[in-house]
Amino acid sequence: MNSSRMKTTAFCLLVFLLTGILNACGDSSNGYNAQSLREVHNTQNTWLQMNQLADSMNLRLVSRKNLIQMGYTDPVFEVVAGRKEALSFGKQVMLPDAPIRHDGWVYISPRSAEALLQTSIQRDEPTGKVTVSSLEQAHGNSSQPEFEAESDSGQIRILGLPSDRSEMVSYAKRFLGVPYEFGAADYSTSKTFDCSSFTQHIYDHFGVDLPRLARDQAQKGSAVSRSSLKAGDLIFFTVPGRFSSDKIPGHVGMYIGDGKFIHTWGDPGVQISPLDSGYWNEQILSMRRI
């Protein structure tokens, strides 16, 4: 084979390989396409890496294939690479641009990040620094319910909850030691909990449908004071450093009596902690009776 023919063969092979790569990139099932790859390469300074966005806001982030979950102790935000549908504060939203996956990372456009976080994002062009406005500033205290008249009913008798609160406590204690997992799937399949999926699971056992997120659970029921707190009541806590005034509930547990509550947080997973002393006593935001 002469050198000219060898060059022609090599060129054709290169074209074939490039065509195959571009066709593979066009498979939307992978969460991206050739055009979006060019957008990432040509506008790297305008697309935001989800991991860096989470780090800048001091939030947890987990990635399961194309699913990205981000939040505090439970998943407040969810996006899927290649899809405009997303969850923001537990509610469905449509993003202007679908997030894209490239080189193992998921990127989101600034305007989609604003829609997801429901706040403003500013970029300093000379330095490339991205500033995310406080989520608490954007939402105010929307997740913190207005003060309600205190309820001090002696028994839980509604929505299938037991009249004897000790039944709830006994059921919750069955899960002591179950591992904590941020963004845990349903316990029946994951055998793990995060803070709000744990309280949701307990209440679901007694026929009560609680929202998935701690901030939404904090809007249910009625306010109670520490002096009238009873077993089965929910206690909501701040997670310091997430917001400017730390007023959005980032953690939830259930009171079990004797100055203690049951919750899940890190190791060893589901555990019992004192309410009136130690770390969590200083982080209490509200107490609610469902």
C-alpha atoms as a PDB file:
ATOM      1  CA  MET A   1       0.000   0.000   0.000  1.00  0.00           C
ATOM      2  CA  ASN A   2       1.543   3.352  -1.043  1.00  0.00           C
ATOM      3  CA  SER A   3       1.830   6.280   1.389  1.00  0.00           C
ATOM      4  CA  SER A   4      -0.945   8.304  -0.311  1.00  0.00           C
ATOM      5  CA  ARG A   5      -3.434   5.461   0.074  1.00  0.00           C
ATOM      6  CA  MET A   6      -2.388   4.971   3.718  1.00  0.00           C
ATOM      7  CA  LYS A   7      -3.039   8.673   4.449  1.00  0.00           C
ATOM      8  CA  THR A   8      -6.491   8.468   2.833  1.00  0.00           C
ATOM      9  CA  THR A   9      -7.373   5.373   4.893  1.00  0.00           C
ATOM     10  CA  ALA A  10      -6.202   7.049   8.116  1.00  0.00           C
ATOM     11  CA  PHE A  11      -8.257  10.160   7.349  1.00  0.00           C
ATOM     12  CA  CYS A  12     -11.389   8.127   6.682  1.00  0.00           C
ATOM     13  CA  LEU A  13     -10.890   6.232   9.930  1.00  0.00           C
ATOM     14  CA  LEU A  14     -10.553   9.502  11.841  1.00  0.00           C
ATOM     15  CA  VAL A  15     -13.777  10.832  10.301  1.00  0.00           C
ATOM     16  CA  PHE A  16     -15.541   7.573  11.192  1.00  0.00           C
ATOM     17  CA  LEU A  17     -14.380   7.770  14.812  1.00  0.00           C
ATOM     18  CA  LEU A  18     -15.370  11.428  15.188  1.00  0.00           C
ATOM     19  CA  THR A  19     -18.781  10.707  13.669  1.00  0.00           C
ATOM     20  CA  GLY A  20     -19.305   7.871  16.118  1.00  0.00           C
ATOM     21  CA  ILE A  21     -18.332  10.068  19.059  1.00  0.00           C
ATOM     22  CA  LEU A  22     -20.724  12.840  18.023  1.00  0.00           C
ATOM     23  CA  ASN A  23     -23.522  10.340  17.471  1.00  0.00           C
ATOM     24  CA  ALA A  24     -22.919   8.875  20.923  1.00  0.00           C
ATOM     25  CA  CYS A  25     -23.008  12.349  22.420  1.00  0.00           C
ATOM     26  CA  GLY A  26     -26.351  12.882  20.746  1.00  0.00           C
ATOM     27  CA  ASP A  27     -27.917  10.117  22.839  1.00  0.00           C
ATOM     28  CA  SER A  28     -30.146  12.125  25.198  1.00  0.00           C
ATOM     29  CA  SER A  29     -30.527   9.109  27.457  1.00  0.00           C
ATOM     30  CA  ASN A  30     -26.984   9.806  28.670  1.00  0.00           C
ATOM     31  CA  GLY A  31     -28.074  13.225  29.905  1.00  0.00           C
ATOM     32  CA  TYR A  32     -26.269  15.328  27.307  1.00  0.00           C
ATOM     33  CA  ASN A  33     -25.788  15.817  23.588  1.00  0.00           C
ATOM     34  CA  ALA A  34     -23.142  17.091  21.176  1.00  0.00           C
ATOM     35  CA  GLN A  35     -24.502  20.643  21.291  1.00  0.00           C
ATOM     36  CA  SER A  36     -24.496  20.763  25.074  1.00  0.00           C
ATOM     37  CA  LEU A  37     -20.931  19.427  25.133  1.00  0.00           C
ATOM     38  CA  ARG A  38     -19.870  22.290  22.892  1.00  0.00           C
ATOM     39  CA  GLU A  39     -21.686  24.676  25.198  1.00  0.00           C
ATOM     40  CA  VAL A  40     -19.701  23.381  28.175  1.00  0.00           C
ATOM     41  CA  HIS A  41     -16.385  23.643  26.350  1.00  0.00           C
ATOM     42  CA  ASN A  42     -17.098  27.014  24.772  1.00  0.00           C
ATOM     43  CA  THR A  43     -18.751  28.618  27.790  1.00  0.00           C
ATOM     44  CA  GLN A  44     -17.027  26.923  30.719  1.00  0.00           C
ATOM     45  CA  ASN A  45     -17.173  30.167  32.654  1.00  0.00           C
ATOM     46  CA  THR A  46     -20.977  30.369  32.488  1.00  0.00           C
ATOM     47  CA  TRP A  47     -21.998  26.799  33.329  1.00  0.00           C
ATOM     48  CA  LEU A  48     -21.809  25.905  37.017  1.00  0.00           C
ATOM     49  CA  GLN A  49     -20.640  22.559  38.329  1.00  0.00           C
ATOM     50  CA  MET A  50     -23.269  21.241  40.753  1.00  0.00           C
ATOM     51  CA  ASN A  51     -20.653  20.020  43.236  1.00  0.00           C
ATOM     52  CA  GLN A  52     -19.046  23.460  43.417  1.00  0.00           C
ATOM     53  CA  LEU A  53     -22.461  25.102  43.739  1.00  0.00           C
ATOM     54  CA  ALA A  54     -23.287  22.843  46.703  1.00  0.00           C
ATOM     55  CA  ASP A  55     -19.898  23.480  48.317  1.00  0.00           C
ATOM     56  CA  SER A  56     -20.322  27.246  48.002  1.00  0.00           C
ATOM     57  CA  MET A  57     -23.611  27.007  49.914  1.00  0.00           C
ATOM     58  CA  ASN A  58     -22.350  24.487  52.481  1.00  0.00           C
ATOM     59  CA  LEU A  59     -24.901  21.896  51.352  1.00  0.00           C
ATOM     60  CA  ARG A  60     -24.639  18.138  50.987  1.00  0.00           C
ATOM     61  CA  LEU A  61     -24.768  16.652  47.510  1.00  0.00           C
ATOM     62  CA  VAL A  62     -25.161  13.058  46.390  1.00  0.00           C
ATOM     63  CA  SER A  63     -25.099  11.724  42.841  1.00  0.00           C
ATOM     64  CA  ARG A  64     -26.882   8.560  41.760  1.00  0.00           C
ATOM     65  CA  LYS A  65     -26.230   8.109  38.037  1.00  0.00           C
ATOM     66  CA  ASN A  66     -27.910  11.174  36.488  1.00  0.00           C
ATOM     67  CA  LEU A  67     -29.863  12.098  39.636  1.00  0.00           C
ATOM     68  CA  ILE A  68     -28.365  14.861  41.781  1.00  0.00           C
ATOM     69  CA  GLN A  69     -29.781  15.581  45.252  1.00  0.00           C
ATOM     70  CA  MET A  70     -28.708  18.579  47.306  1.00  0.00           C
ATOM     71  CA  GLY A  71     -29.751  19.789  50.753  1.00  0.00           C
ATOM     72  CA  TYR A  72     -29.008  19.922  54.469  1.00  0.00           C
ATOM     73  CA  THR A  73     -30.041  16.724  56.241  1.00  0.00           C
ATOM     74  CA  ASP A  74     -32.701  15.838  53.676  1.00  0.00           C
ATOM     75  CA  PRO A  75     -32.874  16.430  49.878  1.00  0.00           C
ATOM     76  CA  VAL A  76     -34.297  19.909  49.266  1.00  0.00           C
ATOM     77  CA  PHE A  77     -33.246  20.122  45.600  1.00  0.00           C
ATOM     78  CA  GLU A  78     -33.205  17.420  42.908  1.00  0.00           C
ATOM     79  CA  VAL A  79     -32.138  17.599  39.266  1.00  0.00           C
ATOM     80  CA  VAL A  80     -31.637  14.961  36.598  1.00  0.00           C
ATOM     81  CA  ALA A  81     -29.067  15.437  33.855  1.00  0.00           C
ATOM     82  CA  GLY A  82     -30.843  15.851  30.537  1.00  0.00           C
ATOM     83  CA  ARG A  83     -34.207  16.855  32.028  1.00  0.00           C
ATOM     84  CA  LYS A  84     -35.765  20.248  32.662  1.00  0.00           C
ATOM     85  CA  GLU A  85     -38.079  18.873  35.339  1.00  0.00           C
ATOM     86  CA  ALA A  86     -36.611  19.363  38.824  1.00  0.00           C
ATOM     87  CA  LEU A  87     -37.613  19.579  42.484  1.00  0.00           C
ATOM     88  CA  SER A  88     -37.057  22.789  44.411  1.00  0.00           C
ATOM     89  CA  PHE A  89     -37.896  22.848  48.112  1.00  0.00           C
ATOM     90  CA  GLY A  90     -39.833  19.646  47.469  1.00  0.00           C
ATOM     91  CA  LYS A  91     -41.991  21.187  44.704  1.00  0.00           C
ATOM     92  CA  GLN A  92     -41.759  20.512  40.971  1.00  0.00           C
ATOM     93  CA  VAL A  93     -40.267  23.291  38.827  1.00  0.00           C
ATOM     94  CA  MET A  94     -39.271  23.572  35.174  1.00  0.00           C
ATOM     95  CA  LEU A  95     -35.720  24.704  34.490  1.00  0.00           C
ATOM     96  CA  PRO A  96     -34.952  26.947  31.489  1.00  0.00           C
ATOM     97  CA  ASP A  97     -32.059  24.648  30.500  1.00  0.00           C
ATOM     98  CA  ALA A  98     -31.627  20.960  31.232  1.00  0.00           C
ATOM     99  CA  PRO A  99     -28.538  20.204  33.354  1.00  0.00           C
ATOM    100  CA  ILE A 100     -25.840  18.310  31.464  1.00  0.00           C
ATOM    101  CA  ARG A 101     -23.294  15.675  32.404  1.00  0.00           C
ATOM    102  CA  HIS A 102     -19.737  15.880  31.122  1.00  0.00           C
ATOM    103  CA  ASP A 103     -16.576  14.077  32.245  1.00  0.00           C
ATOM    104  CA  GLY A 104     -18.385  12.660  35.256  1.00  0.00           C
ATOM    105  CA  TRP A 105     -19.700  16.039  36.485  1.00  0.00           C
ATOM    106  CA  VAL A 106     -23.166  17.575  36.218  1.00  0.00           C
ATOM    107  CA  TYR A 107     -23.326  21.218  35.119  1.00  0.00           C
ATOM    108  CA  ILE A 108     -26.216  23.663  35.401  1.00  0.00           C
ATOM    109  CA  SER A 109     -26.703  27.005  33.678  1.00  0.00           C
ATOM    110  CA  PRO A 110     -26.897  30.095  35.921  1.00  0.00           C
ATOM    111  CA  ARG A 111     -30.499  30.804  34.979  1.00  0.00           C
ATOM    112  CA  SER A 112     -31.474  27.194  35.751  1.00  0.00           C
ATOM    113  CA  ALA A 113     -29.586  27.433  39.040  1.00  0.00           C
ATOM    114  CA  GLU A 114     -31.614  30.549  39.894  1.00  0.00           C
ATOM    115  CA  ALA A 115     -34.860  28.719  39.085  1.00  0.00           C
ATOM    116  CA  LEU A 116     -33.784  25.698  41.136  1.00  0.00           C
ATOM    117  CA  LEU A 117     -32.601  27.643  44.189  1.00  0.00           C
ATOM    118  CA  GLN A 118     -35.274  30.353  43.764  1.00  0.00           C
ATOM    119  CA  THR A 119     -32.720  33.048  44.412  1.00  0.00           C
ATOM    120  CA  SER A 120     -30.353  35.259  42.417  1.00  0.00           C
ATOM    121  CA  ILE A 121     -26.896  34.341  41.170  1.00  0.00           C
ATOM    122  CA  GLN A 122     -24.338  36.938  40.146  1.00  0.00           C
ATOM    123  CA  ARG A 123     -21.068  36.413  38.334  1.00  0.00           C
ATOM    124  CA  ASP A 124     -18.061  38.727  38.447  1.00  0.00           C
ATOM    125  CA  GLU A 125     -16.733  38.531  34.893  1.00  0.00           C
ATOM    126  CA  PRO A 126     -13.115  39.635  35.611  1.00  0.00           C
ATOM    127  CA  THR A 127     -12.596  37.069  38.385  1.00  0.00           C
ATOM    128  CA  GLY A 128     -15.162  34.449  37.393  1.00  0.00           C
ATOM    129  CA  LYS A 129     -16.429  34.343  40.988  1.00  0.00           C
ATOM    130  CA  VAL A 130     -20.073  33.286  41.361  1.00  0.00           C
ATOM    131  CA  THR A 131     -22.128  34.691  44.254  1.00  0.00           C
ATOM    132  CA  VAL A 132     -25.373  33.009  45.328  1.00  0.00           C
ATOM    133  CA  SER A 133     -27.815  35.168  47.273  1.00  0.00           C
ATOM    134  CA  SER A 134     -28.966  33.829  50.607  1.00  0.00           C
ATOM    135  CA  LEU A 135     -31.813  31.340  50.268  1.00  0.00           C
ATOM    136  CA  GLU A 136     -33.284  32.679  53.493  1.00  0.00           C
ATOM    137  CA  GLN A 137     -33.239  36.154  51.974  1.00  0.00           C
ATOM    138  CA  ALA A 138     -35.069  34.914  48.897  1.00  0.00           C
ATOM    139  CA  HIS A 139     -37.714  32.969  50.806  1.00  0.00           C
ATOM    140  CA  GLY A 140     -37.956  34.907  54.025  1.00  0.00           C
ATOM    141  CA  ASN A 141     -39.299  32.593  56.706  1.00  0.00           C
ATOM    142  CA  SER A 142     -41.779  30.883  54.422  1.00  0.00           C
ATOM    143  CA  SER A 143     -40.892  27.515  55.899  1.00  0.00           C
ATOM    144  CA  GLN A 144     -41.402  28.756  59.432  1.00  0.00           C
ATOM    145  CA  PRO A 145     -45.136  28.773  60.186  1.00  0.00           C
ATOM    146  CA  GLU A 146     -46.909  31.663  61.818  1.00  0.00           C
ATOM    147  CA  PHE A 147     -47.290  31.273  65.564  1.00  0.00           C
ATOM    148  CA  GLU A 148     -50.407  29.340  66.399  1.00  0.00           C
ATOM    149  CA  ALA A 149     -52.286  29.039  69.649  1.00  0.00           C
ATOM    150  CA  GLU A 150     -50.719  26.312  71.694  1.00  0.00           C
ATOM    151  CA  SER A 151     -52.447  22.966  71.633  1.00  0.00           C
ATOM    152  CA  ASP A 152     -52.302  20.878  74.785  1.00  0.00           C
ATOM    153  CA  SER A 153     -54.662  18.038  74.017  1.00  0.00           C
ATOM    154  CA  GLY A 154     -53.896  15.066  76.186  1.00  0.00           C
ATOM    155  CA  GLN A 155     -54.322  12.315  73.625  1.00  0.00           C
ATOM    156  CA  ILE A 156     -53.700  11.838  69.921  1.00  0.00           C
ATOM    157  CA  ARG A 157     -56.966  10.525  68.497  1.00  0.00           C
ATOM    158  CA  ILE A 158     -56.985  11.688  64.895  1.00  0.00           C
ATOM    159  CA  LEU A 159     -55.792  10.365  61.548  1.00  0.00           C
ATOM    160  CA  GLY A 160     -55.069   6.900  62.867  1.00  0.00           C
ATOM    161  CA  LEU A 161     -52.516   7.947  65.481  1.00  0.00           C
ATOM    162  CA  PRO A 162     -52.648   5.862  68.673  1.00  0.00           C
ATOM    163  CA  SER A 163     -54.294   7.238  71.785  1.00  0.00           C
ATOM    164  CA  ASP A 164     -51.342   5.846  73.733  1.00  0.00           C
ATOM    165  CA  ARG A 165     -48.282   7.744  72.546  1.00  0.00           C
ATOM    166  CA  SER A 166     -45.997   5.045  73.883  1.00  0.00           C
ATOM    167  CA  GLU A 167     -46.940   2.982  70.812  1.00  0.00           C
ATOM    168  CA  MET A 168     -45.233   5.551  68.584  1.00  0.00           C
ATOM    169  CA  VAL A 169     -42.162   5.591  70.798  1.00  0.00           C
ATOM    170  CA  SER A 170     -41.921   1.800  70.822  1.00  0.00           C
ATOM    171  CA  TYR A 171     -42.248   1.652  67.053  1.00  0.00           C
ATOM    172  CA  ALA A 172     -39.604   4.353  66.518  1.00  0.00           C
ATOM    173  CA  LYS A 173     -37.141   2.565  68.814  1.00  0.00           C
ATOM    174  CA  ARG A 174     -37.293  -0.516  66.589  1.00  0.00           C
ATOM    175  CA  PHE A 175     -35.081   1.379  64.152  1.00  0.00           C
ATOM    176  CA  LEU A 176     -32.273   2.332  66.542  1.00  0.00           C
ATOM    177  CA  GLY A 177     -28.986   1.909  64.702  1.00  0.00           C
ATOM    178  CA  VAL A 178     -30.487   1.961  61.190  1.00  0.00           C
ATOM    179  CA  PRO A 179     -27.902   3.852  59.085  1.00  0.00           C
ATOM    180  CA  TYR A 180     -28.315   7.501  58.133  1.00  0.00           C
ATOM    181  CA  GLU A 181     -28.203   8.266  54.401  1.00  0.00           C
ATOM    182  CA  PHE A 182     -28.733  11.708  52.948  1.00  0.00           C
ATOM    183  CA  GLY A 183     -31.590  11.543  50.443  1.00  0.00           C
ATOM    184  CA  ALA A 184     -32.538   8.043  51.556  1.00  0.00           C
ATOM    185  CA  ALA A 185     -34.993   6.214  49.351  1.00  0.00           C
ATOM    186  CA  ASP A 186     -38.017   4.429  50.821  1.00  0.00           C
ATOM    187  CA  TYR A 187     -36.957   2.333  53.802  1.00  0.00           C
ATOM    188  CA  SER A 188     -38.467  -0.815  52.315  1.00  0.00           C
ATOM    189  CA  THR A 189     -35.797  -0.778  49.613  1.00  0.00           C
ATOM    190  CA  SER A 190     -32.919   1.304  51.048  1.00  0.00           C
ATOM    191  CA  LYS A 191     -32.963   0.146  54.691  1.00  0.00           C
ATOM    192  CA  THR A 192     -31.715   3.634  55.555  1.00  0.00           C
ATOM    193  CA  PHE A 193     -33.236   6.947  56.671  1.00  0.00           C
ATOM    194  CA  ASP A 194     -32.450  10.610  56.642  1.00  0.00           C
ATOM    195  CA  CYS A 195     -34.011  12.796  59.320  1.00  0.00           C
ATOM    196  CA  SER A 196     -37.330  13.593  57.637  1.00  0.00           C
ATOM    197  CA  SER A 197     -37.821  10.220  55.944  1.00  0.00           C
ATOM    198  CA  PHE A 198     -37.527   8.702  59.437  1.00  0.00           C
ATOM    199  CA  THR A 199     -40.288  10.834  60.972  1.00  0.00           C
ATOM    200  CA  GLN A 200     -42.337  10.392  57.795  1.00  0.00           C
ATOM    201  CA  HIS A 201     -41.986   6.615  58.095  1.00  0.00           C
ATOM    202  CA  ILE A 202     -43.067   6.581  61.734  1.00  0.00           C
ATOM    203  CA  TYR A 203     -46.175   8.668  61.082  1.00  0.00           C
ATOM    204  CA  ASP A 204     -47.017   6.728  57.935  1.00  0.00           C
ATOM    205  CA  HIS A 205     -47.118   3.548  60.039  1.00  0.00           C
ATOM    206  CA  PHE A 206     -49.956   5.120  62.008  1.00  0.00           C
ATOM    207  CA  GLY A 207     -51.838   6.364  58.943  1.00  0.00           C
ATOM    208  CA  VAL A 208     -50.589   9.954  58.803  1.00  0.00           C
ATOM    209  CA  ASP A 209     -49.162  11.305  55.547  1.00  0.00           C
ATOM    210  CA  LEU A 210     -46.336  13.737  56.356  1.00  0.00           C
ATOM    211  CA  PRO A 211     -44.458  15.704  53.667  1.00  0.00           C
ATOM    212  CA  ARG A 212     -41.020  14.413  52.716  1.00  0.00           C
ATOM    213  CA  LEU A 213     -38.933  17.413  53.840  1.00  0.00           C
ATOM    214  CA  ALA A 214     -38.321  18.755  57.344  1.00  0.00           C
ATOM    215  CA  ARG A 215     -39.146  22.318  56.274  1.00  0.00           C
ATOM    216  CA  ASP A 216     -42.582  21.176  55.017  1.00  0.00           C
ATOM    217  CA  GLN A 217     -43.281  18.970  58.031  1.00  0.00           C
ATOM    218  CA  ALA A 218     -42.688  22.080  60.159  1.00  0.00           C
ATOM    219  CA  GLN A 219     -45.790  23.669  58.629  1.00  0.00           C
ATOM    220  CA  LYS A 220     -48.102  20.905  59.828  1.00  0.00           C
ATOM    221  CA  GLY A 221     -49.983  20.643  63.100  1.00  0.00           C
ATOM    222  CA  SER A 222     -49.918  23.256  65.838  1.00  0.00           C
ATOM    223  CA  ALA A 223     -47.202  24.846  67.928  1.00  0.00           C
ATOM    224  CA  VAL A 224     -46.472  23.552  71.427  1.00  0.00           C
ATOM    225  CA  SER A 225     -44.110  24.811  74.096  1.00  0.00           C
ATOM    226  CA  ARG A 226     -41.408  22.816  75.806  1.00  0.00           C
ATOM    227  CA  SER A 227     -43.467  22.574  78.980  1.00  0.00           C
ATOM    228  CA  SER A 228     -46.371  20.865  77.177  1.00  0.00           C
ATOM    229  CA  LEU A 229     -44.286  18.711  74.819  1.00  0.00           C
ATOM    230  CA  LYS A 230     -45.523  15.112  74.662  1.00  0.00           C
ATOM    231  CA  ALA A 231     -44.159  11.901  73.196  1.00  0.00           C
ATOM    232  CA  GLY A 232     -44.839  11.801  69.466  1.00  0.00           C
ATOM    233  CA  ASP A 233     -44.504  15.575  68.968  1.00  0.00           C
ATOM    234  CA  LEU A 234     -42.024  16.716  66.320  1.00  0.00           C
ATOM    235  CA  ILE A 235     -39.065  18.976  67.097  1.00  0.00           C
ATOM    236  CA  PHE A 236     -37.424  21.077  64.388  1.00  0.00           C
ATOM    237  CA  PHE A 237     -33.861  22.331  64.472  1.00  0.00           C
ATOM    238  CA  THR A 238     -31.674  24.700  62.546  1.00  0.00           C
ATOM    239  CA  VAL A 239     -28.512  23.481  60.861  1.00  0.00           C
ATOM    240  CA  PRO A 240     -26.132  26.421  61.464  1.00  0.00           C
ATOM    241  CA  GLY A 241     -24.396  28.091  58.544  1.00  0.00           C
ATOM    242  CA  ARG A 242     -26.902  27.199  55.816  1.00  0.00           C
ATOM    243  CA  PHE A 243     -28.765  30.514  55.866  1.00  0.00           C
ATOM    244  CA  SER A 244     -28.060  34.056  56.998  1.00  0.00           C
ATOM    245  CA  SER A 245     -30.387  33.823  60.005  1.00  0.00           C
ATOM    246  CA  ASP A 246     -30.652  30.023  60.352  1.00  0.00           C
ATOM    247  CA  LYS A 247     -34.447  30.114  60.496  1.00  0.00           C
ATOM    248  CA  ILE A 248     -35.295  27.377  58.017  1.00  0.00           C
ATOM    249  CA  PRO A 249     -35.678  23.929  59.620  1.00  0.00           C
ATOM    250  CA  GLY A 250     -32.880  21.653  58.501  1.00  0.00           C
ATOM    251  CA  HIS A 251     -33.380  18.764  60.919  1.00  0.00           C
ATOM    252  CA  VAL A 252     -36.297  17.019  62.620  1.00  0.00           C
ATOM    253  CA  GLY A 253     -36.730  14.472  65.382  1.00  0.00           C
ATOM    254  CA  MET A 254     -39.553  13.048  67.513  1.00  0.00           C
ATOM    255  CA  TYR A 255     -39.906  13.589  71.244  1.00  0.00           C
ATOM    256  CA  ILE A 256     -40.077  10.334  73.234  1.00  0.00           C
ATOM    257  CA  GLY A 257     -40.441  11.721  76.775  1.00  0.00           C
ATOM    258  CA  ASP A 258     -38.052  12.102  79.717  1.00  0.00           C
ATOM    259  CA  GLY A 259     -36.305  15.024  78.027  1.00  0.00           C
ATOM    260  CA  LYS A 260     -35.150  12.935  75.044  1.00  0.00           C
ATOM    261  CA  PHE A 261     -35.882  12.718  71.344  1.00  0.00           C
ATOM    262  CA  ILE A 262     -35.203  10.134  68.639  1.00  0.00           C
ATOM    263  CA  HIS A 263     -33.738  11.112  65.281  1.00  0.00           C
ATOM    264  CA  THR A 264     -31.116  10.131  62.721  1.00  0.00           C
ATOM    265  CA  TRP A 265     -27.934  12.038  62.074  1.00  0.00           C
ATOM    266  CA  GLY A 266     -24.568  10.719  60.895  1.00  0.00           C
ATOM    267  CA  ASP A 267     -23.226   7.816  62.925  1.00  0.00           C
ATOM    268  CA  PRO A 268     -24.668   5.647  64.385  1.00  0.00           C
ATOM    269  CA  GLY A 269     -27.815   6.534  62.399  1.00  0.00           C
ATOM    270  CA  VAL A 270     -31.103   6.400  64.319  1.00  0.00           C
ATOM    271  CA  GLN A 271     -30.259   7.418  67.879  1.00  0.00           C
ATOM    272  CA  ILE A 272     -31.659   9.007  71.034  1.00  0.00           C
ATOM    273  CA  SER A 273     -30.342  12.386  72.181  1.00  0.00           C
ATOM    274  CA  PRO A 274     -31.038  14.729  75.106  1.00  0.00           C
ATOM    275  CA  LEU A 275     -33.265  17.690  74.297  1.00  0.00           C
ATOM    276  CA  ASP A 276     -32.539  19.983  77.248  1.00  0.00           C
ATOM    277  CA  SER A 277     -28.757  19.974  77.086  1.00  0.00           C
ATOM    278  CA  GLY A 278     -25.938  19.589  74.621  1.00  0.00           C
ATOM    279  CA  TYR A 279     -25.690  20.545  70.964  1.00  0.00           C
ATOM    280  CA  TRP A 280     -29.293  20.097  69.853  1.00  0.00           C
ATOM    281  CA  ASN A 281     -30.777  22.140  72.697  1.00  0.00           C
ATOM    282  CA  GLU A 282     -29.133  25.228  71.216  1.00  0.00           C
ATOM    283  CA  GLN A 283     -30.505  24.581  67.726  1.00  0.00           C
ATOM    284  CA  ILE A 284     -34.253  24.229  68.467  1.00  0.00           C
ATOM    285  CA  LEU A 285     -36.510  26.238  66.151  1.00  0.00           C
ATOM    286  CA  SER A 286     -40.004  24.943  66.887  1.00  0.00           C
ATOM    287  CA  MET A 287     -42.055  22.081  68.295  1.00  0.00           C
ATOM    288  CA  ARG A 288     -45.193  20.845  66.591  1.00  0.00           C
ATOM    289  CA  ARG A 289     -48.071  18.546  67.436  1.00  0.00           C
ATOM    290  CA  ILE A 290     -49.562  16.784  64.416  1.00  0.00           C
END
